C-alpha atoms as a PDB file:
ATOM      1  CA  UNK A   1     -12.813 109.389 -43.473  1.00  0.00           C
ATOM      2  CA  UNK A   2      -9.452 107.758 -45.341  1.00  0.00           C
ATOM      3  CA  UNK A   3      -5.925 109.124 -46.300  1.00  0.00           C
ATOM      4  CA  UNK A   4      -7.676 108.631 -50.081  1.00  0.00           C
ATOM      5  CA  UNK A   5     -10.496 110.844 -49.407  1.00  0.00           C
ATOM      6  CA  UNK A   6      -8.001 113.621 -47.779  1.00  0.00           C
ATOM      7  CA  UNK A   7      -5.928 113.756 -50.545  1.00  0.00           C
ATOM      8  CA  UNK A   8      -9.552 113.756 -52.902  1.00  0.00           C
ATOM      9  CA  UNK A   9     -10.743 116.577 -50.912  1.00  0.00           C
ATOM     10  CA  UNK A  10      -8.391 119.975 -52.299  1.00  0.00           C
ATOM     11  CA  UNK A  11      -8.041 117.462 -55.872  1.00  0.00           C
ATOM     12  CA  UNK A  12     -11.938 118.625 -56.034  1.00  0.00           C
ATOM     13  CA  UNK A  13     -12.764 121.647 -53.672  1.00  0.00           C
ATOM     14  CA  UNK A  14      -9.301 122.639 -56.895  1.00  0.00           C
ATOM     15  CA  UNK A  15     -11.387 121.223 -59.448  1.00  0.00           C
ATOM     16  CA  UNK A  16     -14.541 122.845 -57.378  1.00  0.00           C
ATOM     17  CA  UNK A  17     -13.442 126.640 -58.187  1.00  0.00           C
ATOM     18  CA  UNK A  18     -12.172 126.413 -62.188  1.00  0.00           C
ATOM     19  CA  UNK A  19     -15.628 124.920 -62.839  1.00  0.00           C
ATOM     20  CA  UNK A  20     -16.655 128.736 -61.360  1.00  0.00           C
ATOM     21  CA  UNK A  21     -17.868 127.389 -57.379  1.00  0.00           C
ATOM     22  CA  UNK A  22     -16.896 130.985 -55.678  1.00  0.00           C
ATOM     23  CA  UNK A  23     -14.679 130.280 -53.019  1.00  0.00           C
ATOM     24  CA  UNK A  24     -14.632 131.943 -48.964  1.00  0.00           C
ATOM     25  CA  UNK A  25     -13.579 135.137 -49.709  1.00  0.00           C
ATOM     26  CA  UNK A  26     -14.870 135.846 -52.966  1.00  0.00           C
ATOM     27  CA  UNK A  27     -18.210 135.686 -51.547  1.00  0.00           C
ATOM     28  CA  UNK A  28     -17.380 137.133 -48.310  1.00  0.00           C
ATOM     29  CA  UNK A  29     -16.903 139.920 -51.112  1.00  0.00           C
ATOM     30  CA  UNK A  30     -13.356 139.715 -49.749  1.00  0.00           C
ATOM     31  CA  UNK A  31     -11.647 141.715 -52.380  1.00  0.00           C
ATOM     32  CA  UNK A  32      -7.138 142.896 -50.986  1.00  0.00           C
ATOM     33  CA  UNK A  33      -4.044 141.198 -51.609  1.00  0.00           C
ATOM     34  CA  UNK A  34      -0.832 142.331 -50.088  1.00  0.00           C
ATOM     35  CA  UNK A  35       2.469 140.943 -51.750  1.00  0.00           C
ATOM     36  CA  UNK A  36       4.016 140.035 -48.474  1.00  0.00           C
ATOM     37  CA  UNK A  37       8.607 140.899 -48.782  1.00  0.00           C
ATOM     38  CA  UNK A  38      10.362 137.660 -48.647  1.00  0.00           C
ATOM     39  CA  UNK A  39      14.000 139.407 -49.469  1.00  0.00           C
ATOM     40  CA  UNK A  40      15.619 142.617 -48.601  1.00  0.00           C
ATOM     41  CA  UNK A  41      15.905 144.088 -51.743  1.00  0.00           C
ATOM     42  CA  UNK A  42      11.857 143.857 -53.613  1.00  0.00           C
END
């Protein structure tokens, strides 16, 4: 795999997801979401 091909992979994945292709989490029915605490005031 060339450097150009490696750079194109994430862009292609984003385009497929935007066009309706399921992500791995959605395909496996994972719907949980966790906000991580970054600051003490949060």
